[in-house]
C-alpha atoms as a PDB file:
ATOM      1  CA  MET A   1      15.978  -9.355  -1.175  1.00  0.00           C
ATOM      2  CA  PRO A   2      13.252  -9.677  -3.869  1.00  0.00           C
ATOM      3  CA  THR A   3      11.546  -6.316  -4.430  1.00  0.00           C
ATOM      4  CA  PHE A   4       8.520  -5.445  -6.568  1.00  0.00           C
ATOM      5  CA  THR A   5       7.547  -1.880  -7.505  1.00  0.00           C
ATOM      6  CA  ALA A   6       4.689  -0.041  -9.197  1.00  0.00           C
ATOM      7  CA  THR A   7       4.566   3.676  -9.951  1.00  0.00           C
ATOM      8  CA  GLN A   8       1.692   5.736 -11.285  1.00  0.00           C
ATOM      9  CA  GLN A   9       1.239   9.363 -12.329  1.00  0.00           C
ATOM     10  CA  ILE A  10      -1.965  10.770 -10.862  1.00  0.00           C
ATOM     11  CA  ALA A  11      -3.793  13.904 -11.993  1.00  0.00           C
ATOM     12  CA  ALA A  12      -4.683  14.907  -8.435  1.00  0.00           C
ATOM     13  CA  PRO A  13      -2.902  16.933  -5.761  1.00  0.00           C
ATOM     14  CA  ALA A  14      -0.606  14.976  -3.454  1.00  0.00           C
ATOM     15  CA  HIS A  15      -2.734  15.752  -0.378  1.00  0.00           C
ATOM     16  CA  LEU A  16      -5.793  14.066  -1.948  1.00  0.00           C
ATOM     17  CA  VAL A  17      -3.743  11.034  -2.956  1.00  0.00           C
ATOM     18  CA  TRP A  18      -2.274  10.860   0.544  1.00  0.00           C
ATOM     19  CA  ASP A  19      -5.743  11.089   2.120  1.00  0.00           C
ATOM     20  CA  ARG A  20      -6.816   8.038   0.088  1.00  0.00           C
ATOM     21  CA  ILE A  21      -3.782   5.873   0.749  1.00  0.00           C
ATOM     22  CA  ALA A  22      -3.378   6.805   4.423  1.00  0.00           C
ATOM     23  CA  ASP A  23      -6.967   5.800   5.262  1.00  0.00           C
ATOM     24  CA  VAL A  24      -6.143   2.084   5.323  1.00  0.00           C
ATOM     25  CA  MET A  25      -9.426   1.213   7.037  1.00  0.00           C
ATOM     26  CA  ALA A  26     -11.284   2.402   3.903  1.00  0.00           C
ATOM     27  CA  TRP A  27      -9.170   0.382   1.442  1.00  0.00           C
ATOM     28  CA  PRO A  28     -11.794  -2.380   1.003  1.00  0.00           C
ATOM     29  CA  GLU A  29     -14.246   0.261  -0.286  1.00  0.00           C
ATOM     30  CA  TRP A  30     -12.139   1.102  -3.348  1.00  0.00           C
ATOM     31  CA  LEU A  31      -9.271  -1.370  -3.581  1.00  0.00           C
ATOM     32  CA  PRO A  32     -10.126  -4.722  -5.231  1.00  0.00           C
ATOM     33  CA  THR A  33      -6.997  -6.379  -3.796  1.00  0.00           C
ATOM     34  CA  VAL A  34      -8.202  -5.909  -0.207  1.00  0.00           C
ATOM     35  CA  VAL A  35     -11.248  -7.653   1.226  1.00  0.00           C
ATOM     36  CA  ARG A  36     -11.050  -6.414   4.812  1.00  0.00           C
ATOM     37  CA  VAL A  37      -8.851  -4.356   7.127  1.00  0.00           C
ATOM     38  CA  GLU A  38      -9.171  -4.742  10.884  1.00  0.00           C
ATOM     39  CA  ALA A  39      -7.494  -2.334  13.289  1.00  0.00           C
ATOM     40  CA  MET A  40      -5.472  -4.226  15.886  1.00  0.00           C
ATOM     41  CA  SER A  41      -4.743  -1.003  17.774  1.00  0.00           C
ATOM     42  CA  SER A  42      -6.092   2.565  17.464  1.00  0.00           C
ATOM     43  CA  GLY A  43      -7.132   2.360  13.819  1.00  0.00           C
ATOM     44  CA  SER A  44      -5.196   5.469  12.903  1.00  0.00           C
ATOM     45  CA  LEU A  45      -2.025   5.394  10.849  1.00  0.00           C
ATOM     46  CA  ALA A  46       0.834   5.858  13.333  1.00  0.00           C
ATOM     47  CA  VAL A  47       4.191   4.215  13.947  1.00  0.00           C
ATOM     48  CA  GLY A  48       3.478   1.075  15.957  1.00  0.00           C
ATOM     49  CA  SER A  49      -0.167   0.737  14.924  1.00  0.00           C
ATOM     50  CA  SER A  50      -1.170  -2.652  13.538  1.00  0.00           C
ATOM     51  CA  PHE A  51      -3.772  -3.789  11.025  1.00  0.00           C
ATOM     52  CA  ARG A  52      -4.926  -7.238   9.965  1.00  0.00           C
ATOM     53  CA  VAL A  53      -5.357  -7.274   6.186  1.00  0.00           C
ATOM     54  CA  LEU A  54      -7.316  -9.912   4.272  1.00  0.00           C
ATOM     55  CA  GLN A  55      -6.634 -10.180   0.546  1.00  0.00           C
ATOM     56  CA  PRO A  56      -7.915 -12.561  -2.111  1.00  0.00           C
ATOM     57  CA  ARG A  57      -5.668 -15.612  -2.658  1.00  0.00           C
ATOM     58  CA  LEU A  58      -3.412 -14.712   0.306  1.00  0.00           C
ATOM     59  CA  ARG A  59      -3.332 -15.660   3.965  1.00  0.00           C
ATOM     60  CA  PRO A  60      -4.438 -12.913   6.367  1.00  0.00           C
ATOM     61  CA  ALA A  61      -1.467 -10.887   7.585  1.00  0.00           C
ATOM     62  CA  THR A  62      -0.950  -8.448  10.437  1.00  0.00           C
ATOM     63  CA  TRP A  63       0.957  -5.353   9.328  1.00  0.00           C
ATOM     64  CA  THR A  64       2.653  -2.957  11.761  1.00  0.00           C
ATOM     65  CA  VAL A  65       3.530   0.589  10.709  1.00  0.00           C
ATOM     66  CA  SER A  66       7.302   0.999  10.998  1.00  0.00           C
ATOM     67  CA  GLN A  67       7.803   4.403   9.356  1.00  0.00           C
ATOM     68  CA  LEU A  68       5.541   7.368   8.767  1.00  0.00           C
ATOM     69  CA  ILE A  69       6.095  10.770   7.203  1.00  0.00           C
ATOM     70  CA  PRO A  70       2.593  12.302   7.303  1.00  0.00           C
ATOM     71  CA  GLY A  71       1.470  13.541   3.906  1.00  0.00           C
ATOM     72  CA  SER A  72       4.292  11.724   2.148  1.00  0.00           C
ATOM     73  CA  SER A  73       4.982   8.068   2.984  1.00  0.00           C
ATOM     74  CA  PHE A  74       4.501   5.131   5.256  1.00  0.00           C
ATOM     75  CA  ALA A  75       5.957   1.652   5.511  1.00  0.00           C
ATOM     76  CA  TRP A  76       4.591  -1.336   7.299  1.00  0.00           C
ATOM     77  CA  GLU A  77       5.923  -4.813   7.960  1.00  0.00           C
ATOM     78  CA  SER A  78       4.570  -8.290   8.503  1.00  0.00           C
ATOM     79  CA  SER A  79       6.426 -11.464   9.388  1.00  0.00           C
ATOM     80  CA  SER A  80       6.024 -15.179   9.823  1.00  0.00           C
ATOM     81  CA  PRO A  81       8.641 -17.857  10.511  1.00  0.00           C
ATOM     82  CA  GLY A  82      11.354 -17.509   7.849  1.00  0.00           C
ATOM     83  CA  LEU A  83       9.714 -14.589   6.068  1.00  0.00           C
ATOM     84  CA  ARG A  84       9.507 -10.847   6.527  1.00  0.00           C
ATOM     85  CA  MET A  85       7.523  -8.578   4.226  1.00  0.00           C
ATOM     86  CA  ARG A  86       7.745  -4.819   3.936  1.00  0.00           C
ATOM     87  CA  ALA A  87       5.474  -2.540   1.926  1.00  0.00           C
ATOM     88  CA  ASN A  88       6.368   1.094   1.245  1.00  0.00           C
ATOM     89  CA  HIS A  89       3.800   3.655   0.066  1.00  0.00           C
ATOM     90  CA  THR A  90       5.130   7.008  -1.166  1.00  0.00           C
ATOM     91  CA  VAL A  91       3.273  10.024  -2.562  1.00  0.00           C
ATOM     92  CA  GLU A  92       5.197  12.872  -4.209  1.00  0.00           C
ATOM     93  CA  ALA A  93       3.887  16.098  -5.711  1.00  0.00           C
ATOM     94  CA  SER A  94       4.773  16.491  -9.393  1.00  0.00           C
ATOM     95  CA  SER A  95       5.653  19.748 -11.094  1.00  0.00           C
ATOM     96  CA  HIS A  96       2.440  19.760 -13.164  1.00  0.00           C
ATOM     97  CA  GLY A  97       0.194  19.876 -10.081  1.00  0.00           C
ATOM     98  CA  GLY A  98      -0.431  16.155  -9.965  1.00  0.00           C
ATOM     99  CA  SER A  99       1.257  13.396  -8.013  1.00  0.00           C
ATOM    100  CA  LEU A 100       3.414  10.349  -8.361  1.00  0.00           C
ATOM    101  CA  ILE A 101       2.691   7.256  -6.291  1.00  0.00           C
ATOM    102  CA  ARG A 102       5.325   4.601  -5.681  1.00  0.00           C
ATOM    103  CA  LEU A 103       4.348   1.270  -4.156  1.00  0.00           C
ATOM    104  CA  GLU A 104       7.155  -1.097  -3.198  1.00  0.00           C
ATOM    105  CA  PHE A 105       6.977  -4.595  -1.733  1.00  0.00           C
ATOM    106  CA  GLN A 106       9.966  -6.554  -0.395  1.00  0.00           C
ATOM    107  CA  PHE A 107      10.381 -10.119   0.795  1.00  0.00           C
ATOM    108  CA  SER A 108      13.294 -11.024   3.077  1.00  0.00           C
ATOM    109  CA  GLY A 109      14.304 -13.966   5.245  1.00  0.00           C
ATOM    110  CA  ALA A 110      15.211 -17.585   4.571  1.00  0.00           C
ATOM    111  CA  LEU A 111      11.965 -18.292   2.694  1.00  0.00           C
ATOM    112  CA  ALA A 112      12.011 -15.054   0.648  1.00  0.00           C
ATOM    113  CA  PRO A 113      13.384 -16.512  -2.613  1.00  0.00           C
ATOM    114  CA  ALA A 114      10.832 -19.340  -2.664  1.00  0.00           C
ATOM    115  CA  VAL A 115       7.902 -17.123  -1.678  1.00  0.00           C
ATOM    116  CA  ALA A 116       8.915 -14.460  -4.218  1.00  0.00           C
ATOM    117  CA  TRP A 117       9.097 -17.163  -6.899  1.00  0.00           C
ATOM    118  CA  LEU A 118       5.661 -18.522  -5.949  1.00  0.00           C
ATOM    119  CA  LEU A 119       3.920 -15.193  -5.382  1.00  0.00           C
ATOM    120  CA  GLY A 120       5.919 -12.810  -7.585  1.00  0.00           C
ATOM    121  CA  GLY A 121       3.365 -12.673 -10.387  1.00  0.00           C
ATOM    122  CA  LEU A 122       0.480 -12.098  -7.997  1.00  0.00           C
ATOM    123  CA  THR A 123       2.481  -9.478  -6.102  1.00  0.00           C
ATOM    124  CA  ARG A 124       3.212  -7.582  -9.340  1.00  0.00           C
ATOM    125  CA  ARG A 125      -0.445  -7.722 -10.410  1.00  0.00           C
ATOM    126  CA  TYR A 126      -1.657  -6.532  -7.009  1.00  0.00           C
ATOM    127  CA  LEU A 127       0.777  -3.595  -6.967  1.00  0.00           C
ATOM    128  CA  VAL A 128      -0.266  -2.482 -10.457  1.00  0.00           C
ATOM    129  CA  THR A 129      -3.963  -2.868  -9.582  1.00  0.00           C
ATOM    130  CA  GLU A 130      -3.458  -0.896  -6.365  1.00  0.00           C
ATOM    131  CA  ALA A 131      -1.635   1.938  -8.138  1.00  0.00           C
ATOM    132  CA  GLU A 132      -4.271   2.106 -10.891  1.00  0.00           C
ATOM    133  CA  SER A 133      -7.150   1.976  -8.386  1.00  0.00           C
ATOM    134  CA  LEU A 134      -5.560   4.738  -6.334  1.00  0.00           C
ATOM    135  CA  ARG A 135      -5.173   6.846  -9.489  1.00  0.00           C
ATOM    136  CA  ALA A 136      -8.810   6.369 -10.490  1.00  0.00           C
ATOM    137  CA  HIS A 137     -10.214   7.190  -7.055  1.00  0.00           C
ATOM    138  CA  ALA A 138      -7.885  10.118  -6.295  1.00  0.00           C
ATOM    139  CA  GLU A 139      -8.642  11.660  -9.697  1.00  0.00           C
ATOM    140  CA  ALA A 140     -12.380  11.242  -9.008  1.00  0.00           C
ATOM    141  CA  ASP A 141     -11.842  12.964  -5.634  1.00  0.00           C
ATOM    142  CA  ALA A 142     -10.016  15.812  -7.390  1.00  0.00           C
ATOM    143  CA  ARG A 143     -12.874  16.281  -9.891  1.00  0.00           C
ATOM    144  CA  ALA A 144     -15.421  16.297  -7.063  1.00  0.00           C
ATOM    145  CA  LYS A 145     -13.513  18.916  -5.031  1.00  0.00           C
ATOM    146  CA  PRO A 146     -13.081  22.157  -6.978  1.00  0.00           C
END
C-alpha cells in the first residue's frame, strides 16, 4: 500500500493547529492545494460526514470522515473503481509548547501502484505544501492571540 507522509513542527499550541485543520470548509482560504470544499452533509467534521474537494491538477473527490478524535486527529477516505485513498491528519502537542502535525496519504486497491507511480510526486509536493501552509497560518493565529 503506497503511503506518503509529511510532518512539520509548528510554534503554536495544538488547539490552534487543530482549529485550523479541522475547519475543512475554510481550507480554500489558506491552503493553495485546495480550490474548493463543498459539504455533502452537515458541513461539520464528524464520522460519516462527506465533503467534495476540488484540487488543482486532480479530479474532484468526495471524502468521507472515517475516524475522528476531536482535538487530535481525523481520517477520511475516498474511492473509485480499483482505487481507495485514505488521508490521516494528526496534531500532537510538543513538549516545548508547540505542536507536531503529521499528514499521511495512502493509496490501496488494484490501481494503487499505477496511481501512486503517476501521482506520487504531486502527492508528496501537496503534503509538504499543506504542512508548511498549516504551520504558517497556525503560527500567525498564535501571534494574533496572546
